[in-house]
Amino acid sequence: MGKQIKNKLKRELQGAESVIDVQLYSRVITEYSMQLSNSRHLVVNLTIRTCSCRWWQINRFPCRYAMAVMSRGKKWVCDYVSVCYKGPM
């Protein structure tokens, strides 16, 4: 993965501080509910790589909310970045 993508990951992860609470909905499909500091609620599904903010689906790159879930679950964020951002594509 290139330097630009790594920098983008770092910037997105810094924005994850707005996440107040993360709750596991389903361990089977790894779906999480989260509450943000502005009282907004989002749902992140790590299995199908989606977030209700739609950033992940549009950009094929984990959003800050998905990364907050990953960091709390001690998962490696790079595993969830689309292959189009890896290697000499």
N, C-alpha and C. Protein backbone atom coordinates (compact mmCIF):
# COMPACT_ATOMS: atom_id res chain seq x y z
N MET A 1 0.84 -1.16 0.00
CA MET A 1 0.00 0.00 0.00
C MET A 1 0.89 1.23 0.00
N GLY A 2 0.51 2.22 -0.79
CA GLY A 2 1.33 3.41 -0.95
C GLY A 2 1.27 4.38 0.21
N LYS A 3 2.19 5.32 0.17
CA LYS A 3 2.30 6.31 1.24
C LYS A 3 1.05 7.19 1.32
N GLN A 4 0.47 7.56 0.18
CA GLN A 4 -0.73 8.40 0.16
C GLN A 4 -1.89 7.71 0.86
N ILE A 5 -2.05 6.43 0.60
CA ILE A 5 -3.14 5.68 1.22
C ILE A 5 -2.92 5.56 2.72
N LYS A 6 -1.70 5.32 3.14
CA LYS A 6 -1.40 5.24 4.57
C LYS A 6 -1.68 6.57 5.26
N ASN A 7 -1.33 7.67 4.62
CA ASN A 7 -1.60 8.99 5.18
C ASN A 7 -3.11 9.25 5.27
N LYS A 8 -3.84 8.80 4.26
CA LYS A 8 -5.29 8.96 4.26
C LYS A 8 -5.91 8.15 5.40
N LEU A 9 -5.40 6.95 5.61
CA LEU A 9 -5.87 6.12 6.73
C LEU A 9 -5.65 6.83 8.06
N LYS A 10 -4.48 7.42 8.24
CA LYS A 10 -4.16 8.13 9.48
C LYS A 10 -5.10 9.32 9.69
N ARG A 11 -5.37 10.08 8.62
CA ARG A 11 -6.26 11.24 8.74
C ARG A 11 -7.68 10.80 9.10
N GLU A 12 -8.15 9.74 8.45
CA GLU A 12 -9.51 9.24 8.75
C GLU A 12 -9.60 8.74 10.18
N LEU A 13 -8.59 8.05 10.64
CA LEU A 13 -8.62 7.50 12.00
C LEU A 13 -8.62 8.60 13.04
N GLN A 14 -7.97 9.73 12.76
CA GLN A 14 -7.99 10.85 13.69
C GLN A 14 -9.40 11.41 13.84
N GLY A 15 -10.21 11.32 12.79
CA GLY A 15 -11.59 11.80 12.84
C GLY A 15 -12.52 10.88 13.60
N ALA A 16 -12.04 9.72 13.99
CA ALA A 16 -12.88 8.74 14.69
C ALA A 16 -13.14 9.12 16.14
N GLU A 17 -12.58 10.23 16.58
CA GLU A 17 -12.79 10.63 17.97
C GLU A 17 -14.23 11.04 18.25
N SER A 18 -15.04 11.25 17.21
CA SER A 18 -16.44 11.60 17.42
C SER A 18 -17.28 10.39 17.83
N VAL A 19 -16.69 9.20 17.77
CA VAL A 19 -17.40 7.98 18.18
C VAL A 19 -17.40 7.89 19.70
N ILE A 20 -18.59 7.87 20.30
CA ILE A 20 -18.71 7.81 21.75
C ILE A 20 -18.84 6.38 22.24
N ASP A 21 -19.68 5.60 21.56
CA ASP A 21 -19.98 4.25 22.04
C ASP A 21 -20.10 3.30 20.87
N VAL A 22 -19.58 2.08 21.04
CA VAL A 22 -19.68 1.03 20.01
C VAL A 22 -20.29 -0.20 20.67
N GLN A 23 -21.35 -0.72 20.07
CA GLN A 23 -22.01 -1.93 20.59
C GLN A 23 -22.06 -2.98 19.49
N LEU A 24 -21.78 -4.21 19.85
CA LEU A 24 -21.85 -5.32 18.91
C LEU A 24 -23.30 -5.75 18.74
N TYR A 25 -23.79 -5.73 17.49
CA TYR A 25 -25.13 -6.22 17.18
C TYR A 25 -25.12 -7.72 16.99
N SER A 26 -24.21 -8.17 16.13
CA SER A 26 -24.15 -9.58 15.78
C SER A 26 -22.70 -10.02 15.62
N ARG A 27 -22.30 -10.98 16.40
CA ARG A 27 -20.95 -11.53 16.30
C ARG A 27 -20.80 -12.35 15.02
N VAL A 28 -21.86 -12.96 14.55
CA VAL A 28 -21.81 -13.81 13.36
C VAL A 28 -21.48 -12.99 12.12
N ILE A 29 -22.15 -11.86 11.95
CA ILE A 29 -21.91 -11.04 10.76
C ILE A 29 -21.06 -9.81 11.07
N THR A 30 -20.51 -9.75 12.26
CA THR A 30 -19.68 -8.63 12.73
C THR A 30 -20.30 -7.27 12.41
N GLU A 31 -21.51 -7.07 12.93
CA GLU A 31 -22.21 -5.81 12.73
C GLU A 31 -22.23 -5.04 14.05
N TYR A 32 -21.92 -3.75 13.97
CA TYR A 32 -21.80 -2.91 15.15
C TYR A 32 -22.68 -1.67 15.02
N SER A 33 -23.18 -1.22 16.15
CA SER A 33 -23.91 0.04 16.22
C SER A 33 -23.03 1.02 16.97
N MET A 34 -23.04 2.27 16.53
CA MET A 34 -22.23 3.25 17.23
C MET A 34 -22.98 4.55 17.37
N GLN A 35 -22.69 5.23 18.45
CA GLN A 35 -23.25 6.55 18.69
C GLN A 35 -22.14 7.57 18.58
N LEU A 36 -22.43 8.65 17.88
CA LEU A 36 -21.46 9.72 17.69
C LEU A 36 -21.73 10.86 18.67
N SER A 37 -20.78 11.76 18.80
CA SER A 37 -20.91 12.87 19.74
C SER A 37 -22.06 13.81 19.39
N ASN A 38 -22.51 13.81 18.13
CA ASN A 38 -23.64 14.66 17.72
C ASN A 38 -24.98 13.91 17.82
N SER A 39 -25.03 12.82 18.57
CA SER A 39 -26.23 12.00 18.81
C SER A 39 -26.66 11.18 17.59
N ARG A 40 -25.89 11.20 16.54
CA ARG A 40 -26.18 10.39 15.34
C ARG A 40 -25.80 8.94 15.61
N HIS A 41 -26.54 8.01 15.03
CA HIS A 41 -26.25 6.58 15.16
C HIS A 41 -25.90 6.01 13.79
N LEU A 42 -24.89 5.15 13.74
CA LEU A 42 -24.47 4.50 12.51
C LEU A 42 -24.32 3.00 12.74
N VAL A 43 -24.37 2.25 11.65
CA VAL A 43 -24.17 0.81 11.71
C VAL A 43 -23.03 0.45 10.78
N VAL A 44 -22.06 -0.31 11.31
CA VAL A 44 -20.90 -0.78 10.54
C VAL A 44 -20.95 -2.30 10.49
N ASN A 45 -20.77 -2.84 9.29
CA ASN A 45 -20.73 -4.29 9.11
C ASN A 45 -19.37 -4.63 8.50
N LEU A 46 -18.52 -5.28 9.29
CA LEU A 46 -17.17 -5.60 8.81
C LEU A 46 -17.16 -6.75 7.80
N THR A 47 -18.14 -7.64 7.90
CA THR A 47 -18.17 -8.80 6.99
C THR A 47 -18.42 -8.37 5.55
N ILE A 48 -19.41 -7.52 5.35
CA ILE A 48 -19.70 -7.08 3.97
C ILE A 48 -19.12 -5.70 3.66
N ARG A 49 -18.35 -5.17 4.62
CA ARG A 49 -17.61 -3.93 4.44
C ARG A 49 -18.51 -2.75 4.08
N THR A 50 -19.44 -2.47 5.01
CA THR A 50 -20.35 -1.35 4.80
C THR A 50 -20.46 -0.51 6.07
N CYS A 51 -20.85 0.74 5.87
CA CYS A 51 -21.18 1.65 6.96
C CYS A 51 -22.39 2.45 6.51
N SER A 52 -23.28 2.76 7.43
CA SER A 52 -24.47 3.51 7.04
C SER A 52 -24.16 4.95 6.65
N CYS A 53 -22.94 5.43 6.84
CA CYS A 53 -22.54 6.75 6.33
C CYS A 53 -22.28 6.68 4.82
N ARG A 54 -22.12 5.48 4.29
CA ARG A 54 -21.94 5.15 2.87
C ARG A 54 -20.54 5.45 2.32
N TRP A 55 -19.65 6.02 3.11
CA TRP A 55 -18.29 6.34 2.65
C TRP A 55 -17.58 5.09 2.16
N TRP A 56 -17.66 4.02 2.95
CA TRP A 56 -16.93 2.78 2.64
C TRP A 56 -17.40 2.19 1.33
N GLN A 57 -18.72 2.17 1.11
CA GLN A 57 -19.25 1.59 -0.12
C GLN A 57 -18.87 2.42 -1.35
N ILE A 58 -18.87 3.72 -1.21
CA ILE A 58 -18.57 4.59 -2.34
C ILE A 58 -17.08 4.59 -2.68
N ASN A 59 -16.23 4.69 -1.67
CA ASN A 59 -14.79 4.83 -1.89
C ASN A 59 -13.99 3.54 -1.84
N ARG A 60 -14.64 2.46 -1.39
CA ARG A 60 -13.97 1.16 -1.23
C ARG A 60 -12.75 1.31 -0.32
N PHE A 61 -12.94 2.14 0.69
CA PHE A 61 -11.90 2.50 1.63
C PHE A 61 -12.60 2.71 2.97
N PRO A 62 -12.14 2.08 4.06
CA PRO A 62 -12.86 2.18 5.33
C PRO A 62 -13.02 3.62 5.81
N CYS A 63 -14.21 3.96 6.25
CA CYS A 63 -14.46 5.28 6.82
C CYS A 63 -13.93 5.34 8.25
N ARG A 64 -13.93 6.53 8.81
CA ARG A 64 -13.42 6.71 10.17
C ARG A 64 -14.22 5.92 11.20
N TYR A 65 -15.50 5.70 10.93
CA TYR A 65 -16.33 4.97 11.88
C TYR A 65 -16.00 3.48 11.86
N ALA A 66 -15.80 2.95 10.66
CA ALA A 66 -15.38 1.55 10.54
C ALA A 66 -14.01 1.35 11.17
N MET A 67 -13.13 2.32 10.98
CA MET A 67 -11.79 2.21 11.57
C MET A 67 -11.85 2.29 13.09
N ALA A 68 -12.81 3.04 13.64
CA ALA A 68 -12.97 3.08 15.09
C ALA A 68 -13.37 1.71 15.62
N VAL A 69 -14.26 1.02 14.89
CA VAL A 69 -14.66 -0.34 15.27
C VAL A 69 -13.46 -1.28 15.18
N MET A 70 -12.71 -1.16 14.09
CA MET A 70 -11.55 -2.03 13.89
C MET A 70 -10.50 -1.82 14.97
N SER A 71 -10.24 -0.58 15.32
CA SER A 71 -9.20 -0.32 16.32
C SER A 71 -9.63 -0.82 17.69
N ARG A 72 -10.91 -0.73 18.01
CA ARG A 72 -11.39 -1.25 19.29
C ARG A 72 -11.39 -2.76 19.32
N GLY A 73 -11.56 -3.38 18.15
CA GLY A 73 -11.53 -4.83 18.06
C GLY A 73 -10.15 -5.38 17.76
N LYS A 74 -9.16 -4.49 17.75
CA LYS A 74 -7.77 -4.87 17.49
C LYS A 74 -7.62 -5.60 16.15
N LYS A 75 -8.32 -5.08 15.14
CA LYS A 75 -8.21 -5.62 13.79
C LYS A 75 -7.30 -4.70 12.98
N TRP A 76 -6.62 -5.27 12.00
CA TRP A 76 -5.71 -4.50 11.18
C TRP A 76 -6.50 -3.82 10.06
N VAL A 77 -6.50 -2.51 10.05
CA VAL A 77 -7.29 -1.72 9.10
C VAL A 77 -6.91 -2.04 7.65
N CYS A 78 -5.65 -2.26 7.39
CA CYS A 78 -5.18 -2.52 6.02
C CYS A 78 -5.84 -3.76 5.41
N ASP A 79 -6.31 -4.68 6.25
CA ASP A 79 -7.00 -5.86 5.73
C ASP A 79 -8.34 -5.51 5.11
N TYR A 80 -8.87 -4.34 5.43
CA TYR A 80 -10.19 -3.94 4.95
C TYR A 80 -10.14 -2.91 3.83
N VAL A 81 -8.96 -2.56 3.38
CA VAL A 81 -8.80 -1.64 2.26
C VAL A 81 -8.92 -2.45 0.97
N SER A 82 -9.66 -1.93 0.01
CA SER A 82 -9.86 -2.62 -1.26
C SER A 82 -8.53 -2.88 -1.97
N VAL A 83 -8.47 -3.98 -2.72
CA VAL A 83 -7.24 -4.32 -3.44
C VAL A 83 -6.87 -3.28 -4.50
N CYS A 84 -7.83 -2.47 -4.91
CA CYS A 84 -7.51 -1.44 -5.91
C CYS A 84 -6.57 -0.38 -5.35
N TYR A 85 -6.42 -0.32 -4.02
CA TYR A 85 -5.50 0.62 -3.40
C TYR A 85 -4.18 -0.02 -3.02
N LYS A 86 -4.07 -1.31 -3.25
CA LYS A 86 -2.85 -2.04 -2.87
C LYS A 86 -2.04 -2.36 -4.12
N GLY A 87 -0.76 -2.31 -3.98
CA GLY A 87 0.11 -2.70 -5.09
C GLY A 87 0.14 -1.69 -6.21
N PRO A 88 0.65 -2.09 -7.36
CA PRO A 88 0.86 -1.15 -8.48
C PRO A 88 -0.35 -0.98 -9.38
N MET A 89 -1.53 -0.86 -8.81
CA MET A 89 -2.75 -0.73 -9.62
C MET A 89 -2.84 0.62 -10.29
